[in-house]
Amino acid sequence: MGNIKIFSGTSNTPLAESICKKLKIKLGDLDIKRFSDGEIFVEVNESVRGSDCFVVQSTSNPVNENLLELFVIVDALKRAAAKKVYAVMPYFGYSRQDRKVSDRSPITAKLICDLLVKSGIEEVILMDIHSGQIQGFFDVPVDHLYAAPIARQYFTKKYKKDLIIASPDAGGMERARGFAKKFGDLDLVVTDKRRPKSNVSEITNVIGNVKNKHVLLIDDMIDTGGTAAKSAAAIVKSGAKSVSMFCSHGVLSGKALDVINKSHIDELVITDTINNQSKLKKIKKIRVLSVSNLIAKAIKRIIDKKSISDLFL
């Protein structure tokens, strides 16, 4: 692997350790402390001079704490004479704020990208980003990874026939279409979502035939679970045999776990981009697949100066 080192913030240390295990290297030695007033202090406990350093940090809840922690780690590595610092962000917080929603609102995702570059990051690895345009917000190279191969491997074993792909709304059709192609050009359906008011969604009907089919709902993330639950209910009402769901990022905020448990979703499959496995152990409907092997392969290809896109052919 050459002279590379992998460090982890506190947001997803298990994933960083798993990546290191796949690459057969030790996780970098780093102290991260909080002073009594909440300030973050970072100290690198090994030499990084001339090394390519990868920092694994999901900017999930607490989003602002994890972001600032990432900034400080990067600054510490740069001041310790690291050759190059890469940010490995399996989950990118603020990704839904990628455009102005009113005349006087910010584009916060762009601001975060600018701050990350300013902190000293020279290349970024992202996983299933909410909006593809965010890659253009960075003024450094971005390697965008997809969890589709992991989902395909799991669901093709589970469903041998009668499987179709569904999107919970029209905005996710491009993502769902990409999954359908990976599964061998499966049929597509979409549920029609309306928002009568803020934070309230209604599923009015299902566009496409789901009768006697196993339906796999696809989305990049699941947050409160409301839209997913309503989509599943509409699909079952339309005659589907079963409804499963795959989301790369299990945000699962608020009462999401209770919503999923009571929904028509037979199984929700997420990945470990967000470290919430401890609260999911008793939830039989939820299964977690690891992206550590995929990220490890991407890191190795970056170091070996090989194509990342070959991983998704």
C-alpha atoms as a PDB file:
ATOM      1  CA  MET A   1       0.000   0.000   0.000  1.00  0.00           C
ATOM      2  CA  GLY A   2       3.015   2.327   0.078  1.00  0.00           C
ATOM      3  CA  ASN A   3       3.272   5.173   2.548  1.00  0.00           C
ATOM      4  CA  ILE A   4      -0.405   5.642   3.406  1.00  0.00           C
ATOM      5  CA  LYS A   5      -2.137   6.158   6.718  1.00  0.00           C
ATOM      6  CA  ILE A   6      -5.824   6.010   7.617  1.00  0.00           C
ATOM      7  CA  PHE A   7      -7.244   8.044  10.483  1.00  0.00           C
ATOM      8  CA  SER A   8     -10.748   8.196  11.893  1.00  0.00           C
ATOM      9  CA  GLY A   9     -12.880  10.839  13.488  1.00  0.00           C
ATOM     10  CA  THR A  10     -15.328   9.790  16.183  1.00  0.00           C
ATOM     11  CA  SER A  11     -18.401   9.560  13.925  1.00  0.00           C
ATOM     12  CA  ASN A  12     -17.766   6.079  12.476  1.00  0.00           C
ATOM     13  CA  THR A  13     -14.673   4.436  13.961  1.00  0.00           C
ATOM     14  CA  PRO A  14     -15.988   0.858  13.384  1.00  0.00           C
ATOM     15  CA  LEU A  15     -16.160   1.509   9.631  1.00  0.00           C
ATOM     16  CA  ALA A  16     -12.634   2.981   9.603  1.00  0.00           C
ATOM     17  CA  GLU A  17     -11.311  -0.043  11.515  1.00  0.00           C
ATOM     18  CA  SER A  18     -13.015  -2.390   9.042  1.00  0.00           C
ATOM     19  CA  ILE A  19     -11.460  -0.517   6.094  1.00  0.00           C
ATOM     20  CA  CYS A  20      -8.024  -0.840   7.698  1.00  0.00           C
ATOM     21  CA  LYS A  21      -8.586  -4.546   8.248  1.00  0.00           C
ATOM     22  CA  LYS A  22      -9.395  -4.999   4.544  1.00  0.00           C
ATOM     23  CA  LEU A  23      -6.225  -3.108   3.594  1.00  0.00           C
ATOM     24  CA  LYS A  24      -4.153  -4.942   6.233  1.00  0.00           C
ATOM     25  CA  ILE A  25      -2.885  -1.766   7.857  1.00  0.00           C
ATOM     26  CA  LYS A  26      -3.288  -0.294  11.350  1.00  0.00           C
ATOM     27  CA  LEU A  27      -5.642   2.568  12.072  1.00  0.00           C
ATOM     28  CA  GLY A  28      -3.681   5.778  12.599  1.00  0.00           C
ATOM     29  CA  ASP A  29      -2.996   6.925  16.167  1.00  0.00           C
ATOM     30  CA  LEU A  30      -4.979  10.069  16.887  1.00  0.00           C
ATOM     31  CA  ASP A  31      -6.222  11.716  20.085  1.00  0.00           C
ATOM     32  CA  ILE A  32      -9.490  13.658  19.871  1.00  0.00           C
ATOM     33  CA  LYS A  33     -10.546  15.489  23.001  1.00  0.00           C
ATOM     34  CA  ARG A  34     -13.201  17.985  24.086  1.00  0.00           C
ATOM     35  CA  PHE A  35     -12.359  20.792  26.481  1.00  0.00           C
ATOM     36  CA  SER A  36     -14.902  21.670  29.164  1.00  0.00           C
ATOM     37  CA  ASP A  37     -16.309  24.482  27.018  1.00  0.00           C
ATOM     38  CA  GLY A  38     -16.827  22.099  24.076  1.00  0.00           C
ATOM     39  CA  GLU A  39     -13.777  23.062  22.005  1.00  0.00           C
ATOM     40  CA  ILE A  40     -12.227  20.221  19.980  1.00  0.00           C
ATOM     41  CA  PHE A  41      -8.544  19.345  20.352  1.00  0.00           C
ATOM     42  CA  VAL A  42      -6.712  16.901  18.070  1.00  0.00           C
ATOM     43  CA  GLU A  43      -3.208  15.494  18.381  1.00  0.00           C
ATOM     44  CA  VAL A  44      -1.531  13.141  15.904  1.00  0.00           C
ATOM     45  CA  ASN A  45       0.542  10.567  17.818  1.00  0.00           C
ATOM     46  CA  GLU A  46       2.687   9.277  14.945  1.00  0.00           C
ATOM     47  CA  SER A  47       4.741  10.710  12.123  1.00  0.00           C
ATOM     48  CA  VAL A  48       2.802  11.485   8.944  1.00  0.00           C
ATOM     49  CA  ARG A  49       5.580  13.375   7.143  1.00  0.00           C
ATOM     50  CA  GLY A  50       5.372  12.620   3.425  1.00  0.00           C
ATOM     51  CA  SER A  51       2.395  10.259   3.870  1.00  0.00           C
ATOM     52  CA  ASP A  52      -0.897  10.079   1.993  1.00  0.00           C
ATOM     53  CA  CYS A  53      -3.463  10.397   4.792  1.00  0.00           C
ATOM     54  CA  PHE A  54      -7.115   9.344   4.517  1.00  0.00           C
ATOM     55  CA  VAL A  55      -9.536  10.666   7.157  1.00  0.00           C
ATOM     56  CA  VAL A  56     -12.747   8.642   7.557  1.00  0.00           C
ATOM     57  CA  GLN A  57     -15.561  10.791   8.903  1.00  0.00           C
ATOM     58  CA  SER A  58     -19.306  10.686   8.249  1.00  0.00           C
ATOM     59  CA  THR A  59     -20.899  14.049   8.920  1.00  0.00           C
ATOM     60  CA  SER A  60     -23.998  12.509  10.458  1.00  0.00           C
ATOM     61  CA  ASN A  61     -25.680  13.495  13.719  1.00  0.00           C
ATOM     62  CA  PRO A  62     -24.258  15.534  15.468  1.00  0.00           C
ATOM     63  CA  VAL A  63     -23.549  17.038  12.040  1.00  0.00           C
ATOM     64  CA  ASN A  64     -21.830  20.262  13.085  1.00  0.00           C
ATOM     65  CA  GLU A  65     -19.644  18.534  15.696  1.00  0.00           C
ATOM     66  CA  ASN A  66     -18.488  15.935  13.197  1.00  0.00           C
ATOM     67  CA  LEU A  67     -17.802  18.545  10.515  1.00  0.00           C
ATOM     68  CA  LEU A  68     -15.670  20.685  12.799  1.00  0.00           C
ATOM     69  CA  GLU A  69     -13.861  17.602  14.043  1.00  0.00           C
ATOM     70  CA  LEU A  70     -12.992  16.752  10.426  1.00  0.00           C
ATOM     71  CA  PHE A  71     -11.679  20.270   9.802  1.00  0.00           C
ATOM     72  CA  VAL A  72      -9.429  20.108  12.871  1.00  0.00           C
ATOM     73  CA  ILE A  73      -8.081  16.618  12.035  1.00  0.00           C
ATOM     74  CA  VAL A  74      -7.201  17.735   8.510  1.00  0.00           C
ATOM     75  CA  ASP A  75      -5.467  20.864   9.802  1.00  0.00           C
ATOM     76  CA  ALA A  76      -3.461  18.790  12.300  1.00  0.00           C
ATOM     77  CA  LEU A  77      -2.309  16.408   9.553  1.00  0.00           C
ATOM     78  CA  LYS A  78      -1.361  19.232   7.182  1.00  0.00           C
ATOM     79  CA  ARG A  79       0.656  20.998   9.902  1.00  0.00           C
ATOM     80  CA  ALA A  80       2.391  17.671  10.638  1.00  0.00           C
ATOM     81  CA  ALA A  81       3.691  17.689   7.014  1.00  0.00           C
ATOM     82  CA  ALA A  82       1.378  15.060   5.505  1.00  0.00           C
ATOM     83  CA  LYS A  83       1.994  14.804   1.764  1.00  0.00           C
ATOM     84  CA  LYS A  84      -1.709  14.752   0.856  1.00  0.00           C
ATOM     85  CA  VAL A  85      -4.937  14.570   2.857  1.00  0.00           C
ATOM     86  CA  TYR A  86      -8.035  12.803   1.538  1.00  0.00           C
ATOM     87  CA  ALA A  87     -11.468  13.117   3.159  1.00  0.00           C
ATOM     88  CA  VAL A  88     -13.427   9.855   3.140  1.00  0.00           C
ATOM     89  CA  MET A  89     -17.009  10.924   3.804  1.00  0.00           C
ATOM     90  CA  PRO A  90     -19.309   7.878   3.562  1.00  0.00           C
ATOM     91  CA  TYR A  91     -22.240  10.125   4.521  1.00  0.00           C
ATOM     92  CA  PHE A  92     -22.174  13.811   3.593  1.00  0.00           C
ATOM     93  CA  GLY A  93     -24.322  15.962   5.868  1.00  0.00           C
ATOM     94  CA  TYR A  94     -26.074  19.044   4.444  1.00  0.00           C
ATOM     95  CA  SER A  95     -26.322  17.299   1.059  1.00  0.00           C
ATOM     96  CA  ARG A  96     -30.044  18.074   0.868  1.00  0.00           C
ATOM     97  CA  GLN A  97     -29.323  21.809   1.004  1.00  0.00           C
ATOM     98  CA  ASP A  98     -27.906  21.848  -2.530  1.00  0.00           C
ATOM     99  CA  ARG A  99     -29.940  24.736  -3.973  1.00  0.00           C
ATOM    100  CA  LYS A 100     -31.837  27.873  -2.973  1.00  0.00           C
ATOM    101  CA  VAL A 101     -35.360  27.017  -1.870  1.00  0.00           C
ATOM    102  CA  SER A 102     -36.368  30.668  -1.480  1.00  0.00           C
ATOM    103  CA  ASP A 103     -35.041  34.081  -2.503  1.00  0.00           C
ATOM    104  CA  ARG A 104     -33.058  34.606   0.699  1.00  0.00           C
ATOM    105  CA  SER A 105     -31.955  31.075   1.588  1.00  0.00           C
ATOM    106  CA  PRO A 106     -28.377  29.708   1.496  1.00  0.00           C
ATOM    107  CA  ILE A 107     -26.828  26.910  -0.553  1.00  0.00           C
ATOM    108  CA  THR A 108     -25.296  25.302   2.516  1.00  0.00           C
ATOM    109  CA  ALA A 109     -23.842  22.276   0.718  1.00  0.00           C
ATOM    110  CA  LYS A 110     -21.657  24.629  -1.369  1.00  0.00           C
ATOM    111  CA  LEU A 111     -20.505  26.438   1.773  1.00  0.00           C
ATOM    112  CA  ILE A 112     -19.518  23.143   3.429  1.00  0.00           C
ATOM    113  CA  CYS A 113     -17.556  22.081   0.324  1.00  0.00           C
ATOM    114  CA  ASP A 114     -15.679  25.399   0.331  1.00  0.00           C
ATOM    115  CA  LEU A 115     -14.824  25.019   4.020  1.00  0.00           C
ATOM    116  CA  LEU A 116     -13.594  21.444   3.497  1.00  0.00           C
ATOM    117  CA  VAL A 117     -11.245  22.530   0.721  1.00  0.00           C
ATOM    118  CA  LYS A 118     -10.068  25.520   2.771  1.00  0.00           C
ATOM    119  CA  SER A 119      -9.222  23.207   5.676  1.00  0.00           C
ATOM    120  CA  GLY A 120      -6.618  21.494   3.470  1.00  0.00           C
ATOM    121  CA  ILE A 121      -8.415  18.538   1.902  1.00  0.00           C
ATOM    122  CA  GLU A 122      -6.990  17.769  -1.543  1.00  0.00           C
ATOM    123  CA  GLU A 123      -9.308  14.956  -2.643  1.00  0.00           C
ATOM    124  CA  VAL A 124     -12.691  13.661  -1.479  1.00  0.00           C
ATOM    125  CA  ILE A 125     -14.331  10.230  -1.484  1.00  0.00           C
ATOM    126  CA  LEU A 126     -18.139  10.313  -1.249  1.00  0.00           C
ATOM    127  CA  MET A 127     -20.744   7.547  -1.187  1.00  0.00           C
ATOM    128  CA  ASP A 128     -24.134   7.848  -2.951  1.00  0.00           C
ATOM    129  CA  ILE A 129     -24.357  11.605  -2.606  1.00  0.00           C
ATOM    130  CA  HIS A 130     -27.917  12.963  -2.449  1.00  0.00           C
ATOM    131  CA  SER A 131     -27.427  15.299  -5.405  1.00  0.00           C
ATOM    132  CA  GLY A 132     -24.867  14.704  -8.144  1.00  0.00           C
ATOM    133  CA  GLN A 133     -24.263  18.434  -8.595  1.00  0.00           C
ATOM    134  CA  ILE A 134     -22.497  18.540  -5.212  1.00  0.00           C
ATOM    135  CA  GLN A 135     -19.452  17.015  -6.869  1.00  0.00           C
ATOM    136  CA  GLY A 136     -19.135  20.296  -8.776  1.00  0.00           C
ATOM    137  CA  PHE A 137     -19.179  22.294  -5.540  1.00  0.00           C
ATOM    138  CA  PHE A 138     -15.692  21.016  -4.684  1.00  0.00           C
ATOM    139  CA  ASP A 139     -12.603  22.639  -6.212  1.00  0.00           C
ATOM    140  CA  VAL A 140     -10.670  19.387  -5.734  1.00  0.00           C
ATOM    141  CA  PRO A 141     -11.122  15.914  -7.298  1.00  0.00           C
ATOM    142  CA  VAL A 142     -14.124  13.925  -6.065  1.00  0.00           C
ATOM    143  CA  ASP A 143     -14.407  10.123  -6.231  1.00  0.00           C
ATOM    144  CA  HIS A 144     -18.073   9.143  -6.053  1.00  0.00           C
ATOM    145  CA  LEU A 145     -18.781   5.578  -4.894  1.00  0.00           C
ATOM    146  CA  TYR A 146     -22.062   3.670  -5.290  1.00  0.00           C
ATOM    147  CA  ALA A 147     -23.552   0.976  -3.061  1.00  0.00           C
ATOM    148  CA  ALA A 148     -25.528  -0.550  -5.944  1.00  0.00           C
ATOM    149  CA  PRO A 149     -23.187  -3.576  -6.380  1.00  0.00           C
ATOM    150  CA  ILE A 150     -23.606  -4.415  -2.684  1.00  0.00           C
ATOM    151  CA  ALA A 151     -27.399  -4.195  -2.943  1.00  0.00           C
ATOM    152  CA  ARG A 152     -27.466  -6.215  -6.151  1.00  0.00           C
ATOM    153  CA  GLN A 153     -25.461  -9.043  -4.584  1.00  0.00           C
ATOM    154  CA  TYR A 154     -27.836  -9.192  -1.616  1.00  0.00           C
ATOM    155  CA  PHE A 155     -31.202  -8.874  -3.374  1.00  0.00           C
ATOM    156  CA  THR A 156     -30.470 -11.158  -6.358  1.00  0.00           C
ATOM    157  CA  LYS A 157     -29.910 -13.939  -3.840  1.00  0.00           C
ATOM    158  CA  LYS A 158     -33.121 -13.083  -2.020  1.00  0.00           C
ATOM    159  CA  TYR A 159     -35.405 -12.696  -5.054  1.00  0.00           C
ATOM    160  CA  LYS A 160     -34.962 -15.081  -7.998  1.00  0.00           C
ATOM    161  CA  LYS A 161     -37.954 -13.738  -9.982  1.00  0.00           C
ATOM    162  CA  ASP A 162     -40.856 -11.270 -10.000  1.00  0.00           C
ATOM    163  CA  LEU A 163     -38.670  -8.395  -8.750  1.00  0.00           C
ATOM    164  CA  ILE A 164     -39.211  -4.798  -9.872  1.00  0.00           C
ATOM    165  CA  ILE A 165     -37.595  -1.530  -8.770  1.00  0.00           C
ATOM    166  CA  ALA A 166     -39.552   1.420  -7.373  1.00  0.00           C
ATOM    167  CA  SER A 167     -38.780   5.028  -6.555  1.00  0.00           C
ATOM    168  CA  PRO A 168     -40.674   6.743  -3.719  1.00  0.00           C
ATOM    169  CA  ASP A 169     -40.919   9.934  -5.822  1.00  0.00           C
ATOM    170  CA  ALA A 170     -40.223  11.305  -9.292  1.00  0.00           C
ATOM    171  CA  GLY A 171     -36.992  12.945  -8.107  1.00  0.00           C
ATOM    172  CA  GLY A 172     -35.458   9.555  -7.370  1.00  0.00           C
ATOM    173  CA  MET A 173     -36.232   7.979 -10.745  1.00  0.00           C
ATOM    174  CA  GLU A 174     -32.713   8.452 -12.125  1.00  0.00           C
ATOM    175  CA  ARG A 175     -31.280   6.616  -9.110  1.00  0.00           C
ATOM    176  CA  ALA A 176     -33.895   3.846  -9.392  1.00  0.00           C
ATOM    177  CA  ARG A 177     -33.251   3.515 -13.128  1.00  0.00           C
ATOM    178  CA  GLY A 178     -29.547   3.029 -12.424  1.00  0.00           C
ATOM    179  CA  PHE A 179     -30.366   0.237  -9.983  1.00  0.00           C
ATOM    180  CA  ALA A 180     -32.741  -1.391 -12.461  1.00  0.00           C
ATOM    181  CA  LYS A 181     -29.951  -1.528 -15.050  1.00  0.00           C
ATOM    182  CA  LYS A 182     -27.557  -3.077 -12.547  1.00  0.00           C
ATOM    183  CA  PHE A 183     -30.150  -5.781 -11.847  1.00  0.00           C
ATOM    184  CA  GLY A 184     -30.547  -6.555 -15.557  1.00  0.00           C
ATOM    185  CA  ASP A 185     -32.996  -3.915 -16.810  1.00  0.00           C
ATOM    186  CA  LEU A 186     -35.835  -4.658 -14.409  1.00  0.00           C
ATOM    187  CA  ASP A 187     -39.173  -2.846 -14.732  1.00  0.00           C
ATOM    188  CA  LEU A 188     -39.656   0.458 -12.916  1.00  0.00           C
ATOM    189  CA  VAL A 189     -42.530   2.009 -10.976  1.00  0.00           C
ATOM    190  CA  VAL A 190     -42.857   5.248  -9.018  1.00  0.00           C
ATOM    191  CA  THR A 191     -45.170   6.477  -6.293  1.00  0.00           C
ATOM    192  CA  ASP A 192     -46.639   9.947  -6.754  1.00  0.00           C
ATOM    193  CA  LYS A 193     -45.709  12.149  -3.793  1.00  0.00           C
ATOM    194  CA  ARG A 194     -47.336  15.470  -2.977  1.00  0.00           C
ATOM    195  CA  ARG A 195     -46.453  17.869  -0.160  1.00  0.00           C
ATOM    196  CA  PRO A 196     -49.573  19.751   0.996  1.00  0.00           C
ATOM    197  CA  LYS A 197     -47.426  21.576   3.564  1.00  0.00           C
ATOM    198  CA  SER A 198     -43.877  21.567   4.933  1.00  0.00           C
ATOM    199  CA  ASN A 199     -42.638  18.218   6.352  1.00  0.00           C
ATOM    200  CA  VAL A 200     -45.855  16.471   5.333  1.00  0.00           C
ATOM    201  CA  SER A 201     -45.999  14.121   2.346  1.00  0.00           C
ATOM    202  CA  GLU A 202     -48.918  12.291   0.768  1.00  0.00           C
ATOM    203  CA  ILE A 203     -48.690   9.303  -1.584  1.00  0.00           C
ATOM    204  CA  THR A 204     -51.606   9.549  -3.980  1.00  0.00           C
ATOM    205  CA  ASN A 205     -51.065   6.604  -6.355  1.00  0.00           C
ATOM    206  CA  VAL A 206     -48.607   4.126  -7.861  1.00  0.00           C
ATOM    207  CA  ILE A 207     -47.521   4.693 -11.465  1.00  0.00           C
ATOM    208  CA  GLY A 208     -46.796   1.267 -12.951  1.00  0.00           C
ATOM    209  CA  ASN A 209     -47.955  -2.329 -12.460  1.00  0.00           C
ATOM    210  CA  VAL A 210     -46.871  -3.994  -9.190  1.00  0.00           C
ATOM    211  CA  LYS A 211     -49.495  -6.737  -9.026  1.00  0.00           C
ATOM    212  CA  ASN A 212     -47.993 -10.060  -7.842  1.00  0.00           C
ATOM    213  CA  LYS A 213     -44.492  -8.547  -7.827  1.00  0.00           C
ATOM    214  CA  HIS A 214     -41.774  -8.231  -5.200  1.00  0.00           C
ATOM    215  CA  VAL A 215     -41.078  -4.498  -5.085  1.00  0.00           C
ATOM    216  CA  LEU A 216     -37.699  -3.038  -4.083  1.00  0.00           C
ATOM    217  CA  LEU A 217     -37.934   0.637  -3.108  1.00  0.00           C
ATOM    218  CA  ILE A 218     -34.696   2.532  -3.765  1.00  0.00           C
ATOM    219  CA  ASP A 219     -33.553   5.799  -2.191  1.00  0.00           C
ATOM    220  CA  ASP A 220     -30.218   7.333  -1.184  1.00  0.00           C
ATOM    221  CA  MET A 221     -31.244   7.816   2.453  1.00  0.00           C
ATOM    222  CA  ILE A 222     -34.049   7.173   4.883  1.00  0.00           C
ATOM    223  CA  ASP A 223     -34.590   9.863   7.500  1.00  0.00           C
ATOM    224  CA  THR A 224     -37.903   9.963   9.375  1.00  0.00           C
ATOM    225  CA  GLY A 225     -39.295   7.052   7.340  1.00  0.00           C
ATOM    226  CA  GLY A 226     -42.634   8.713   6.614  1.00  0.00           C
ATOM    227  CA  THR A 227     -42.402   8.772   2.820  1.00  0.00           C
ATOM    228  CA  ALA A 228     -41.056   5.203   2.716  1.00  0.00           C
ATOM    229  CA  ALA A 229     -43.905   3.899   4.883  1.00  0.00           C
ATOM    230  CA  LYS A 230     -46.579   5.649   2.804  1.00  0.00           C
ATOM    231  CA  SER A 231     -45.016   4.446  -0.456  1.00  0.00           C
ATOM    232  CA  ALA A 232     -44.963   0.860   0.833  1.00  0.00           C
ATOM    233  CA  ALA A 233     -48.617   1.096   1.892  1.00  0.00           C
ATOM    234  CA  ALA A 234     -49.651   2.356  -1.559  1.00  0.00           C
ATOM    235  CA  ILE A 235     -47.640  -0.402  -3.292  1.00  0.00           C
ATOM    236  CA  VAL A 236     -49.165  -3.158  -1.152  1.00  0.00           C
ATOM    237  CA  LYS A 237     -52.638  -1.704  -1.761  1.00  0.00           C
ATOM    238  CA  SER A 238     -51.902  -1.963  -5.504  1.00  0.00           C
ATOM    239  CA  GLY A 239     -51.376  -5.725  -5.223  1.00  0.00           C
ATOM    240  CA  ALA A 240     -47.645  -6.263  -4.636  1.00  0.00           C
ATOM    241  CA  LYS A 241     -46.500  -9.548  -3.075  1.00  0.00           C
ATOM    242  CA  SER A 242     -43.992  -7.783  -0.829  1.00  0.00           C
ATOM    243  CA  VAL A 243     -42.092  -4.520  -0.363  1.00  0.00           C
ATOM    244  CA  SER A 244     -38.426  -4.254   0.600  1.00  0.00           C
ATOM    245  CA  MET A 245     -36.324  -1.103   0.643  1.00  0.00           C
ATOM    246  CA  PHE A 246     -32.668  -0.293   0.107  1.00  0.00           C
ATOM    247  CA  CYS A 247     -31.097   2.988   1.220  1.00  0.00           C
ATOM    248  CA  SER A 248     -27.376   3.651   1.372  1.00  0.00           C
ATOM    249  CA  HIS A 249     -27.681   5.960   4.380  1.00  0.00           C
ATOM    250  CA  GLY A 250     -29.756   5.081   7.436  1.00  0.00           C
ATOM    251  CA  VAL A 251     -30.229   8.529   8.995  1.00  0.00           C
ATOM    252  CA  LEU A 252     -33.271   7.253  10.922  1.00  0.00           C
ATOM    253  CA  SER A 253     -34.027  10.362  12.940  1.00  0.00           C
ATOM    254  CA  GLY A 254     -36.942  11.067  15.260  1.00  0.00           C
ATOM    255  CA  LYS A 255     -39.494   8.229  15.415  1.00  0.00           C
ATOM    256  CA  ALA A 256     -38.167   6.530  12.267  1.00  0.00           C
ATOM    257  CA  LEU A 257     -37.600   3.118  13.864  1.00  0.00           C
ATOM    258  CA  ASP A 258     -41.169   2.985  15.155  1.00  0.00           C
ATOM    259  CA  VAL A 259     -42.506   4.127  11.763  1.00  0.00           C
ATOM    260  CA  ILE A 260     -40.543   1.425   9.933  1.00  0.00           C
ATOM    261  CA  ASN A 261     -41.611  -1.269  12.411  1.00  0.00           C
ATOM    262  CA  LYS A 262     -45.294  -0.456  11.867  1.00  0.00           C
ATOM    263  CA  SER A 263     -45.013  -0.070   8.086  1.00  0.00           C
ATOM    264  CA  HIS A 264     -45.683  -2.521   5.225  1.00  0.00           C
ATOM    265  CA  ILE A 265     -41.930  -2.711   4.552  1.00  0.00           C
ATOM    266  CA  ASP A 266     -40.875  -6.332   5.028  1.00  0.00           C
ATOM    267  CA  GLU A 267     -37.172  -5.523   5.176  1.00  0.00           C
ATOM    268  CA  LEU A 268     -35.169  -2.309   5.186  1.00  0.00           C
ATOM    269  CA  VAL A 269     -31.572  -2.767   4.060  1.00  0.00           C
ATOM    270  CA  ILE A 270     -29.089   0.026   4.767  1.00  0.00           C
ATOM    271  CA  THR A 271     -25.291   0.269   4.879  1.00  0.00           C
ATOM    272  CA  ASP A 272     -22.875   1.218   7.636  1.00  0.00           C
ATOM    273  CA  THR A 273     -22.065   4.691   6.259  1.00  0.00           C
ATOM    274  CA  ILE A 274     -23.647   5.984   9.477  1.00  0.00           C
ATOM    275  CA  ASN A 275     -22.705   4.344  12.756  1.00  0.00           C
ATOM    276  CA  ASN A 276     -26.095   3.534  14.284  1.00  0.00           C
ATOM    277  CA  GLN A 277     -25.867  -0.261  14.456  1.00  0.00           C
ATOM    278  CA  SER A 278     -26.103  -0.336  18.255  1.00  0.00           C
ATOM    279  CA  LYS A 279     -29.691   0.988  18.231  1.00  0.00           C
ATOM    280  CA  LEU A 280     -30.713  -1.345  15.394  1.00  0.00           C
ATOM    281  CA  LYS A 281     -29.824  -4.672  17.030  1.00  0.00           C
ATOM    282  CA  LYS A 282     -33.381  -5.322  18.223  1.00  0.00           C
ATOM    283  CA  ILE A 283     -35.054  -4.187  14.992  1.00  0.00           C
ATOM    284  CA  LYS A 284     -35.624  -7.387  12.993  1.00  0.00           C
ATOM    285  CA  LYS A 285     -36.840  -5.525   9.910  1.00  0.00           C
ATOM    286  CA  ILE A 286     -33.517  -3.719   9.399  1.00  0.00           C
ATOM    287  CA  ARG A 287     -30.384  -5.297   7.955  1.00  0.00           C
ATOM    288  CA  VAL A 288     -27.022  -3.522   7.674  1.00  0.00           C
ATOM    289  CA  LEU A 289     -24.554  -4.253   4.866  1.00  0.00           C
ATOM    290  CA  SER A 290     -20.972  -2.992   5.040  1.00  0.00           C
ATOM    291  CA  VAL A 291     -19.340  -0.661   2.511  1.00  0.00           C
ATOM    292  CA  SER A 292     -15.880  -1.144   4.040  1.00  0.00           C
ATOM    293  CA  ASN A 293     -14.653  -3.489   1.313  1.00  0.00           C
ATOM    294  CA  LEU A 294     -15.804  -1.102  -1.425  1.00  0.00           C
ATOM    295  CA  ILE A 295     -14.101   1.889   0.213  1.00  0.00           C
ATOM    296  CA  ALA A 296     -10.933  -0.143   0.803  1.00  0.00           C
ATOM    297  CA  LYS A 297     -10.821  -1.101  -2.883  1.00  0.00           C
ATOM    298  CA  ALA A 298     -11.316   2.544  -3.872  1.00  0.00           C
ATOM    299  CA  ILE A 299      -8.463   3.692  -1.611  1.00  0.00           C
ATOM    300  CA  LYS A 300      -6.152   1.044  -3.056  1.00  0.00           C
ATOM    301  CA  ARG A 301      -7.043   2.102  -6.601  1.00  0.00           C
ATOM    302  CA  ILE A 302      -6.397   5.751  -5.763  1.00  0.00           C
ATOM    303  CA  ILE A 303      -2.958   4.916  -4.386  1.00  0.00           C
ATOM    304  CA  ASP A 304      -2.198   2.662  -7.365  1.00  0.00           C
ATOM    305  CA  LYS A 305      -3.469   5.389  -9.738  1.00  0.00           C
ATOM    306  CA  LYS A 306      -6.123   3.104 -11.226  1.00  0.00           C
ATOM    307  CA  SER A 307      -9.676   3.840 -12.331  1.00  0.00           C
ATOM    308  CA  ILE A 308     -12.411   3.951  -9.689  1.00  0.00           C
ATOM    309  CA  SER A 309     -15.213   3.508 -12.217  1.00  0.00           C
ATOM    310  CA  ASP A 310     -14.021  -0.056 -12.947  1.00  0.00           C
ATOM    311  CA  LEU A 311     -15.486  -1.020  -9.559  1.00  0.00           C
ATOM    312  CA  PHE A 312     -19.003  -0.387 -10.890  1.00  0.00           C
ATOM    313  CA  LEU A 313     -18.905  -1.985 -14.342  1.00  0.00           C
END
